[in-house]
Amino acid sequence: MTLKNYLILMIAMTLVCWGVFAGVVISINPNTTNWPGFAMFYASLFLSLLGTSTIIGFLFRFWLLKQQLAFRAVGEAFRQSFLFVILILAALFLLSHHLFTWLNIVFLIVGIALLELCLISYSRARILRGK
């Protein structure tokens, strides 16, 4: 498969995820549901946002920044999208439990930034070792 085919497949699966998310939002009443309803909501939103932000990040890196290796651009875009979506969903979860404060958000951002720095240093160490 070529890069264009992979990109089309990513876009198609992201649209499917957004369709599932729309179905969850339409069919589940947040006032009467229990934890499986909330789990479906957060899982479908996670996959939808992950796919969308990965595609946007990849397109930004590959076409606007003119990075040569597409698989590295996809890997970086997926890693950063994953952390970004975790940040968004954690903020939504804190908001739903009335724990959304500046201090909690600062801790969350610092934790995700430290995790990103660890992942970057690990990947650079792996490259330097030749693996």
N, C-alpha and C. Protein backbone atom coordinates (compact mmCIF):
# COMPACT_ATOMS: atom_id res chain seq x y z
N MET A 1 0.84 -1.19 0.00
CA MET A 1 0.00 0.00 0.00
C MET A 1 0.88 1.24 0.00
N THR A 2 0.39 2.25 -0.64
CA THR A 2 1.13 3.49 -0.70
C THR A 2 0.71 4.40 0.44
N LEU A 3 1.44 5.48 0.58
CA LEU A 3 1.14 6.44 1.63
C LEU A 3 -0.25 7.03 1.46
N LYS A 4 -0.64 7.28 0.23
CA LYS A 4 -1.96 7.84 -0.03
C LYS A 4 -3.06 6.87 0.41
N ASN A 5 -2.87 5.58 0.17
CA ASN A 5 -3.86 4.59 0.59
C ASN A 5 -3.97 4.52 2.11
N TYR A 6 -2.84 4.58 2.80
CA TYR A 6 -2.86 4.57 4.26
C TYR A 6 -3.58 5.80 4.79
N LEU A 7 -3.34 6.94 4.18
CA LEU A 7 -3.99 8.17 4.61
C LEU A 7 -5.50 8.09 4.39
N ILE A 8 -5.91 7.54 3.26
CA ILE A 8 -7.35 7.38 2.99
C ILE A 8 -7.96 6.42 4.00
N LEU A 9 -7.25 5.35 4.33
CA LEU A 9 -7.74 4.39 5.33
C LEU A 9 -7.85 5.05 6.71
N MET A 10 -6.87 5.86 7.07
CA MET A 10 -6.93 6.57 8.36
C MET A 10 -8.12 7.52 8.40
N ILE A 11 -8.35 8.22 7.32
CA ILE A 11 -9.48 9.17 7.26
C ILE A 11 -10.80 8.41 7.33
N ALA A 12 -10.90 7.29 6.62
CA ALA A 12 -12.14 6.51 6.64
C ALA A 12 -12.43 5.96 8.04
N MET A 13 -11.43 5.43 8.70
CA MET A 13 -11.64 4.88 10.04
C MET A 13 -11.96 5.98 11.05
N THR A 14 -11.38 7.15 10.87
CA THR A 14 -11.70 8.27 11.75
C THR A 14 -13.14 8.71 11.55
N LEU A 15 -13.60 8.72 10.31
CA LEU A 15 -15.01 9.06 10.05
C LEU A 15 -15.95 8.02 10.66
N VAL A 16 -15.56 6.75 10.63
CA VAL A 16 -16.35 5.71 11.28
C VAL A 16 -16.41 5.97 12.79
N CYS A 17 -15.27 6.32 13.37
CA CYS A 17 -15.23 6.62 14.81
C CYS A 17 -16.11 7.81 15.15
N TRP A 18 -16.10 8.84 14.31
CA TRP A 18 -16.99 9.98 14.56
C TRP A 18 -18.45 9.57 14.43
N GLY A 19 -18.75 8.66 13.52
CA GLY A 19 -20.11 8.16 13.40
C GLY A 19 -20.54 7.38 14.64
N VAL A 20 -19.64 6.56 15.17
CA VAL A 20 -19.94 5.84 16.41
C VAL A 20 -20.14 6.82 17.55
N PHE A 21 -19.29 7.84 17.62
CA PHE A 21 -19.44 8.85 18.67
C PHE A 21 -20.79 9.56 18.55
N ALA A 22 -21.18 9.91 17.34
CA ALA A 22 -22.49 10.56 17.14
C ALA A 22 -23.61 9.63 17.58
N GLY A 23 -23.49 8.35 17.27
CA GLY A 23 -24.49 7.40 17.72
C GLY A 23 -24.57 7.28 19.23
N VAL A 24 -23.43 7.31 19.88
CA VAL A 24 -23.40 7.25 21.34
C VAL A 24 -24.04 8.50 21.93
N VAL A 25 -23.71 9.65 21.39
CA VAL A 25 -24.26 10.91 21.91
C VAL A 25 -25.77 10.96 21.72
N ILE A 26 -26.25 10.47 20.59
CA ILE A 26 -27.68 10.50 20.31
C ILE A 26 -28.45 9.49 21.16
N SER A 27 -27.87 8.31 21.37
CA SER A 27 -28.64 7.23 22.00
C SER A 27 -28.49 7.12 23.51
N ILE A 28 -27.48 7.73 24.10
CA ILE A 28 -27.25 7.57 25.54
C ILE A 28 -27.62 8.84 26.27
N ASN A 29 -28.46 8.70 27.28
CA ASN A 29 -28.85 9.82 28.12
C ASN A 29 -27.88 9.89 29.30
N PRO A 30 -27.11 10.96 29.44
CA PRO A 30 -26.14 11.01 30.53
C PRO A 30 -26.77 11.10 31.92
N ASN A 31 -28.03 11.47 31.99
CA ASN A 31 -28.69 11.57 33.30
C ASN A 31 -29.14 10.22 33.84
N THR A 32 -29.34 9.24 32.96
CA THR A 32 -29.85 7.94 33.41
C THR A 32 -28.88 6.79 33.19
N THR A 33 -27.77 7.00 32.53
CA THR A 33 -26.86 5.90 32.23
C THR A 33 -25.94 5.60 33.41
N ASN A 34 -25.35 4.42 33.38
CA ASN A 34 -24.37 4.05 34.38
C ASN A 34 -22.99 4.00 33.72
N TRP A 35 -22.04 3.33 34.34
CA TRP A 35 -20.66 3.41 33.85
C TRP A 35 -20.45 2.86 32.44
N PRO A 36 -21.16 1.83 31.95
CA PRO A 36 -20.93 1.42 30.55
C PRO A 36 -21.27 2.52 29.54
N GLY A 37 -22.28 3.31 29.81
CA GLY A 37 -22.62 4.41 28.92
C GLY A 37 -21.53 5.46 28.88
N PHE A 38 -20.99 5.79 30.05
CA PHE A 38 -19.90 6.76 30.10
C PHE A 38 -18.62 6.18 29.48
N ALA A 39 -18.40 4.88 29.67
CA ALA A 39 -17.22 4.25 29.06
C ALA A 39 -17.32 4.29 27.53
N MET A 40 -18.51 4.03 26.99
CA MET A 40 -18.68 4.11 25.54
C MET A 40 -18.49 5.54 25.04
N PHE A 41 -18.99 6.51 25.81
CA PHE A 41 -18.83 7.90 25.43
C PHE A 41 -17.36 8.28 25.37
N TYR A 42 -16.63 8.00 26.46
CA TYR A 42 -15.22 8.38 26.51
C TYR A 42 -14.38 7.59 25.51
N ALA A 43 -14.68 6.30 25.32
CA ALA A 43 -13.91 5.50 24.36
C ALA A 43 -14.13 5.97 22.93
N SER A 44 -15.37 6.25 22.57
CA SER A 44 -15.63 6.70 21.20
C SER A 44 -15.07 8.10 20.97
N LEU A 45 -15.15 8.96 21.97
CA LEU A 45 -14.54 10.29 21.83
C LEU A 45 -13.03 10.18 21.75
N PHE A 46 -12.43 9.29 22.53
CA PHE A 46 -10.98 9.08 22.49
C PHE A 46 -10.54 8.67 21.09
N LEU A 47 -11.18 7.66 20.52
CA LEU A 47 -10.78 7.19 19.19
C LEU A 47 -11.02 8.24 18.11
N SER A 48 -12.11 8.99 18.22
CA SER A 48 -12.41 10.03 17.23
C SER A 48 -11.38 11.15 17.27
N LEU A 49 -11.10 11.62 18.48
CA LEU A 49 -10.11 12.70 18.61
C LEU A 49 -8.71 12.23 18.26
N LEU A 50 -8.39 10.98 18.62
CA LEU A 50 -7.07 10.45 18.30
C LEU A 50 -6.87 10.37 16.79
N GLY A 51 -7.85 9.86 16.08
CA GLY A 51 -7.73 9.77 14.63
C GLY A 51 -7.64 11.14 13.97
N THR A 52 -8.48 12.06 14.41
CA THR A 52 -8.49 13.40 13.82
C THR A 52 -7.17 14.13 14.07
N SER A 53 -6.71 14.11 15.32
CA SER A 53 -5.48 14.84 15.63
C SER A 53 -4.26 14.16 15.02
N THR A 54 -4.28 12.85 14.86
CA THR A 54 -3.16 12.17 14.20
C THR A 54 -3.09 12.56 12.73
N ILE A 55 -4.23 12.60 12.07
CA ILE A 55 -4.25 12.98 10.65
C ILE A 55 -3.77 14.42 10.49
N ILE A 56 -4.27 15.32 11.33
CA ILE A 56 -3.85 16.72 11.23
C ILE A 56 -2.36 16.86 11.52
N GLY A 57 -1.87 16.18 12.56
CA GLY A 57 -0.44 16.24 12.89
C GLY A 57 0.43 15.66 11.80
N PHE A 58 -0.01 14.55 11.19
CA PHE A 58 0.76 13.96 10.10
C PHE A 58 0.81 14.89 8.90
N LEU A 59 -0.34 15.43 8.52
CA LEU A 59 -0.36 16.32 7.37
C LEU A 59 0.49 17.55 7.61
N PHE A 60 0.46 18.07 8.82
CA PHE A 60 1.29 19.23 9.15
C PHE A 60 2.77 18.89 9.02
N ARG A 61 3.17 17.75 9.57
CA ARG A 61 4.59 17.37 9.53
C ARG A 61 5.05 17.01 8.12
N PHE A 62 4.24 16.25 7.43
CA PHE A 62 4.69 15.71 6.15
C PHE A 62 4.63 16.72 5.02
N TRP A 63 3.57 17.50 4.96
CA TRP A 63 3.43 18.42 3.83
C TRP A 63 3.91 19.83 4.14
N LEU A 64 3.63 20.34 5.31
CA LEU A 64 4.05 21.71 5.60
C LEU A 64 5.51 21.79 6.05
N LEU A 65 5.96 20.83 6.85
CA LEU A 65 7.35 20.84 7.31
C LEU A 65 8.27 20.07 6.38
N LYS A 66 7.71 19.39 5.41
CA LYS A 66 8.45 18.64 4.38
C LYS A 66 9.39 17.60 4.98
N GLN A 67 8.90 16.84 5.98
CA GLN A 67 9.72 15.77 6.53
C GLN A 67 9.81 14.65 5.50
N GLN A 68 10.98 14.04 5.41
CA GLN A 68 11.23 13.06 4.36
C GLN A 68 10.62 11.69 4.65
N LEU A 69 10.73 11.21 5.87
CA LEU A 69 10.27 9.87 6.19
C LEU A 69 8.86 9.92 6.76
N ALA A 70 7.94 9.33 6.03
CA ALA A 70 6.53 9.40 6.42
C ALA A 70 6.26 8.60 7.69
N PHE A 71 6.94 7.45 7.87
CA PHE A 71 6.64 6.63 9.04
C PHE A 71 7.06 7.34 10.33
N ARG A 72 8.11 8.14 10.28
CA ARG A 72 8.49 8.91 11.48
C ARG A 72 7.47 10.01 11.76
N ALA A 73 6.97 10.64 10.70
CA ALA A 73 5.97 11.69 10.88
C ALA A 73 4.69 11.09 11.47
N VAL A 74 4.31 9.90 11.01
CA VAL A 74 3.11 9.26 11.55
C VAL A 74 3.33 8.86 13.00
N GLY A 75 4.51 8.34 13.31
CA GLY A 75 4.81 7.93 14.68
C GLY A 75 4.79 9.10 15.65
N GLU A 76 5.41 10.19 15.26
CA GLU A 76 5.41 11.38 16.12
C GLU A 76 4.02 11.96 16.25
N ALA A 77 3.28 12.00 15.17
CA ALA A 77 1.92 12.54 15.20
C ALA A 77 1.03 11.68 16.10
N PHE A 78 1.17 10.36 16.01
CA PHE A 78 0.34 9.49 16.84
C PHE A 78 0.69 9.64 18.32
N ARG A 79 1.98 9.67 18.63
CA ARG A 79 2.41 9.80 20.02
C ARG A 79 1.90 11.11 20.63
N GLN A 80 2.08 12.20 19.94
CA GLN A 80 1.65 13.49 20.46
C GLN A 80 0.13 13.61 20.47
N SER A 81 -0.54 13.03 19.51
CA SER A 81 -2.00 13.03 19.51
C SER A 81 -2.54 12.22 20.67
N PHE A 82 -1.92 11.09 20.95
CA PHE A 82 -2.34 10.26 22.07
C PHE A 82 -2.26 11.04 23.37
N LEU A 83 -1.15 11.73 23.60
CA LEU A 83 -0.99 12.51 24.83
C LEU A 83 -1.96 13.69 24.86
N PHE A 84 -2.18 14.33 23.72
CA PHE A 84 -3.11 15.44 23.65
C PHE A 84 -4.54 15.00 23.97
N VAL A 85 -4.93 13.85 23.43
CA VAL A 85 -6.29 13.35 23.68
C VAL A 85 -6.44 12.92 25.13
N ILE A 86 -5.40 12.34 25.71
CA ILE A 86 -5.44 12.00 27.14
C ILE A 86 -5.65 13.27 27.96
N LEU A 87 -4.98 14.35 27.59
CA LEU A 87 -5.15 15.63 28.29
C LEU A 87 -6.59 16.12 28.17
N ILE A 88 -7.15 16.09 26.98
CA ILE A 88 -8.53 16.55 26.77
C ILE A 88 -9.52 15.70 27.55
N LEU A 89 -9.38 14.38 27.47
CA LEU A 89 -10.33 13.51 28.17
C LEU A 89 -10.18 13.59 29.68
N ALA A 90 -8.95 13.74 30.16
CA ALA A 90 -8.76 13.90 31.60
C ALA A 90 -9.40 15.21 32.08
N ALA A 91 -9.27 16.26 31.28
CA ALA A 91 -9.91 17.53 31.65
C ALA A 91 -11.44 17.39 31.65
N LEU A 92 -11.99 16.68 30.67
CA LEU A 92 -13.44 16.45 30.65
C LEU A 92 -13.89 15.60 31.84
N PHE A 93 -13.10 14.59 32.18
CA PHE A 93 -13.43 13.75 33.33
C PHE A 93 -13.38 14.57 34.62
N LEU A 94 -12.35 15.39 34.78
CA LEU A 94 -12.27 16.25 35.97
C LEU A 94 -13.44 17.22 36.01
N LEU A 95 -13.81 17.74 34.87
CA LEU A 95 -14.93 18.67 34.80
C LEU A 95 -16.25 17.99 35.18
N SER A 96 -16.43 16.76 34.76
CA SER A 96 -17.67 16.05 35.08
C SER A 96 -17.77 15.68 36.55
N HIS A 97 -16.64 15.59 37.23
CA HIS A 97 -16.64 15.27 38.66
C HIS A 97 -16.38 16.49 39.53
N HIS A 98 -16.49 17.67 38.95
CA HIS A 98 -16.33 18.95 39.66
C HIS A 98 -14.96 19.06 40.33
N LEU A 99 -13.93 18.55 39.65
CA LEU A 99 -12.55 18.63 40.14
C LEU A 99 -11.68 19.45 39.20
N PHE A 100 -12.30 20.17 38.30
CA PHE A 100 -11.58 20.95 37.30
C PHE A 100 -11.10 22.26 37.94
N THR A 101 -9.87 22.24 38.43
CA THR A 101 -9.27 23.45 39.02
C THR A 101 -7.97 23.72 38.28
N TRP A 102 -7.47 24.93 38.44
CA TRP A 102 -6.22 25.29 37.79
C TRP A 102 -5.07 24.43 38.27
N LEU A 103 -5.07 24.12 39.54
CA LEU A 103 -3.99 23.31 40.09
C LEU A 103 -4.00 21.91 39.48
N ASN A 104 -5.17 21.30 39.37
CA ASN A 104 -5.25 19.97 38.76
C ASN A 104 -4.83 19.99 37.30
N ILE A 105 -5.22 21.02 36.59
CA ILE A 105 -4.84 21.12 35.17
C ILE A 105 -3.33 21.34 35.03
N VAL A 106 -2.76 22.15 35.90
CA VAL A 106 -1.30 22.35 35.86
C VAL A 106 -0.58 21.04 36.13
N PHE A 107 -1.03 20.28 37.13
CA PHE A 107 -0.43 18.98 37.40
C PHE A 107 -0.57 18.04 36.21
N LEU A 108 -1.71 18.05 35.58
CA LEU A 108 -1.95 17.21 34.43
C LEU A 108 -1.04 17.59 33.26
N ILE A 109 -0.92 18.87 32.98
CA ILE A 109 -0.07 19.33 31.89
C ILE A 109 1.40 19.03 32.17
N VAL A 110 1.83 19.25 33.40
CA VAL A 110 3.23 18.96 33.76
C VAL A 110 3.50 17.46 33.65
N GLY A 111 2.56 16.64 34.10
CA GLY A 111 2.74 15.19 34.00
C GLY A 111 2.83 14.72 32.56
N ILE A 112 1.99 15.25 31.71
CA ILE A 112 2.01 14.84 30.30
C ILE A 112 3.27 15.38 29.61
N ALA A 113 3.71 16.57 29.98
CA ALA A 113 4.94 17.11 29.40
C ALA A 113 6.15 16.27 29.82
N LEU A 114 6.19 15.84 31.08
CA LEU A 114 7.28 14.98 31.53
C LEU A 114 7.25 13.63 30.83
N LEU A 115 6.07 13.09 30.62
CA LEU A 115 5.94 11.84 29.88
C LEU A 115 6.43 12.00 28.45
N GLU A 116 6.09 13.10 27.82
CA GLU A 116 6.56 13.37 26.45
C GLU A 116 8.08 13.49 26.42
N LEU A 117 8.67 14.17 27.39
CA LEU A 117 10.13 14.28 27.43
C LEU A 117 10.78 12.93 27.62
N CYS A 118 10.21 12.08 28.47
CA CYS A 118 10.74 10.73 28.65
C CYS A 118 10.65 9.93 27.36
N LEU A 119 9.54 10.03 26.65
CA LEU A 119 9.38 9.30 25.40
C LEU A 119 10.35 9.80 24.34
N ILE A 120 10.57 11.10 24.28
CA ILE A 120 11.52 11.66 23.31
C ILE A 120 12.94 11.19 23.63
N SER A 121 13.32 11.25 24.90
CA SER A 121 14.68 10.82 25.26
C SER A 121 14.87 9.33 25.03
N TYR A 122 13.83 8.53 25.28
CA TYR A 122 13.93 7.09 25.03
C TYR A 122 14.09 6.81 23.54
N SER A 123 13.33 7.51 22.70
CA SER A 123 13.44 7.26 21.26
C SER A 123 14.78 7.73 20.72
N ARG A 124 15.30 8.83 21.24
CA ARG A 124 16.63 9.29 20.79
C ARG A 124 17.73 8.34 21.24
N ALA A 125 17.61 7.81 22.46
CA ALA A 125 18.60 6.85 22.93
C ALA A 125 18.56 5.59 22.10
N ARG A 126 17.36 5.18 21.68
CA ARG A 126 17.23 4.00 20.83
C ARG A 126 17.85 4.23 19.47
N ILE A 127 17.70 5.43 18.93
CA ILE A 127 18.28 5.76 17.63
C ILE A 127 19.81 5.76 17.73
N LEU A 128 20.33 6.32 18.82
CA LEU A 128 21.78 6.38 18.98
C LEU A 128 22.39 4.99 19.17
N ARG A 129 21.64 4.07 19.79
CA ARG A 129 22.14 2.71 19.96
C ARG A 129 22.02 1.91 18.68
N GLY A 130 21.28 2.43 17.71
CA GLY A 130 21.14 1.75 16.43
C GLY A 130 20.04 0.73 16.38
N LYS A 131 19.05 0.85 17.25
CA LYS A 131 17.94 -0.11 17.25
C LYS A 131 16.69 0.53 16.73
